């Protein structure tokens, strides 16, 4: 689903015009972008968590030459998908089976 399909879907589900849906999507994305830029965690319960993090500087190797190199610190965003989207992708029945199998493994006999 691309941007235009997202706007059309939002418009259809909400009953808003496509122009209003586009404005709402842009406002949402801008607010998320600004929050991440300020270093704030963005959490949409049961859907998605975006956590800006700093990757420490470290020493590495150039894979083609094997020469040691310095890799500077960098910013990145950790993405954690919430339960509703996981269930939408793998299906609720499969998710429940996985959850039950994990509980069985945790039990020490």
Protein backbone atom coordinates (compact mmCIF):
# COMPACT_ATOMS: atom_id res chain seq x y z
CA UNK A 1 0.00 0.00 0.00
CA UNK A 2 1.53 3.31 -1.05
CA UNK A 3 0.71 6.85 0.04
CA UNK A 4 -2.15 7.35 -2.42
CA UNK A 5 -3.74 4.01 -1.56
CA UNK A 6 -3.44 4.89 2.14
CA UNK A 7 -5.20 8.23 1.58
CA UNK A 8 -7.97 6.54 -0.43
CA UNK A 9 -8.43 3.89 2.27
CA UNK A 10 -8.53 6.51 5.04
CA UNK A 11 -11.09 8.47 3.06
CA UNK A 12 -13.28 5.42 2.51
CA UNK A 13 -13.14 4.24 6.14
CA UNK A 14 -13.61 7.66 7.77
CA UNK A 15 -16.02 9.21 5.29
CA UNK A 16 -13.69 12.21 4.92
CA UNK A 17 -12.75 13.63 1.53
CA UNK A 18 -9.45 12.52 0.04
CA UNK A 19 -8.09 16.03 0.56
CA UNK A 20 -9.01 15.94 4.26
CA UNK A 21 -7.54 12.44 4.58
CA UNK A 22 -4.32 13.64 2.97
CA UNK A 23 -4.18 16.58 5.39
CA UNK A 24 -4.76 14.25 8.36
CA UNK A 25 -2.06 11.83 7.19
CA UNK A 26 0.42 14.65 6.62
CA UNK A 27 -0.32 16.10 10.07
CA UNK A 28 0.16 12.69 11.70
CA UNK A 29 3.44 12.00 9.90
CA UNK A 30 4.76 15.50 10.65
CA UNK A 31 3.94 15.18 14.35
CA UNK A 32 5.68 11.78 14.51
CA UNK A 33 8.70 13.17 12.66
CA UNK A 34 8.97 16.13 15.05
CA UNK A 35 8.66 13.92 18.13
CA UNK A 36 11.40 11.58 16.86
CA UNK A 37 13.55 14.62 16.02
CA UNK A 38 13.24 15.74 19.66
CA UNK A 39 14.31 12.26 20.80
CA UNK A 40 10.85 11.32 22.10
CA UNK A 41 9.47 7.78 21.94
CA UNK A 42 6.29 7.48 19.84
CA UNK A 43 3.94 4.82 21.13
CA UNK A 44 0.65 3.87 19.50
CA UNK A 45 -0.59 1.21 21.91
CA UNK A 46 -1.22 -2.20 20.31
CA UNK A 47 0.03 -0.91 16.93
CA UNK A 48 3.55 0.45 16.90
CA UNK A 49 6.38 1.83 19.02
CA UNK A 50 9.13 4.01 17.54
CA UNK A 51 12.11 4.60 19.83
CA UNK A 52 14.92 6.93 18.71
CA UNK A 53 18.26 5.53 19.85
CA UNK A 54 21.95 6.31 19.46
CA UNK A 55 24.19 3.56 18.16
CA UNK A 56 27.58 3.85 19.91
CA UNK A 57 30.75 4.45 17.93
CA UNK A 58 32.85 1.35 17.47
CA UNK A 59 35.75 -0.17 15.60
CA UNK A 60 35.02 -2.39 12.64
CA UNK A 61 36.61 -3.89 9.55
CA UNK A 62 36.28 -3.02 5.91
CA UNK A 63 34.78 -6.26 4.52
CA UNK A 64 36.59 -6.04 1.18
CA UNK A 65 40.09 -5.24 2.48
CA UNK A 66 39.95 -6.41 6.09
CA UNK A 67 41.43 -3.07 7.13
CA UNK A 68 40.33 -1.78 10.57
CA UNK A 69 38.04 1.25 10.41
CA UNK A 70 36.32 3.56 12.89
CA UNK A 71 32.51 3.61 12.72
CA UNK A 72 31.13 6.85 14.25
CA UNK A 73 28.06 7.02 16.48
CA UNK A 74 24.77 7.30 14.61
CA UNK A 75 21.10 7.85 15.29
CA UNK A 76 18.47 5.30 14.34
CA UNK A 77 14.91 4.37 15.22
CA UNK A 78 13.97 1.06 16.86
CA UNK A 79 10.64 -0.16 15.54
CA UNK A 80 8.48 -2.54 17.54
CA UNK A 81 5.25 -3.79 15.99
CA UNK A 82 2.28 -4.08 18.34
CA UNK A 83 -0.11 -6.95 18.93
CA UNK A 84 -2.88 -5.79 16.57
CA UNK A 85 -0.56 -5.57 13.58
CA UNK A 86 1.21 -8.82 14.45
CA UNK A 87 -2.16 -10.56 14.66
CA UNK A 88 -3.23 -9.00 11.36
CA UNK A 89 -0.14 -10.39 9.64
CA UNK A 90 0.15 -13.86 11.15
CA UNK A 91 -3.48 -14.36 12.08
CA UNK A 92 -4.99 -14.55 15.54
CA UNK A 93 -5.16 -18.36 15.58
CA UNK A 94 -1.45 -18.73 14.83
CA UNK A 95 -0.58 -16.05 17.38
CA UNK A 96 -2.53 -17.92 20.08
CA UNK A 97 -0.77 -21.19 19.20
CA UNK A 98 2.62 -19.50 19.43
CA UNK A 99 1.69 -17.93 22.76
CA UNK A 100 0.55 -21.32 24.16
CA UNK A 101 3.69 -23.09 22.91
CA UNK A 102 5.89 -20.46 24.59
CA UNK A 103 4.07 -20.94 27.90
CA UNK A 104 4.63 -24.70 27.71
CA UNK A 105 8.36 -24.21 27.15
CA UNK A 106 8.60 -21.88 30.15
CA UNK A 107 7.20 -24.54 32.50
CA UNK A 108 9.97 -26.56 34.17
CA UNK A 109 9.05 -30.18 34.78
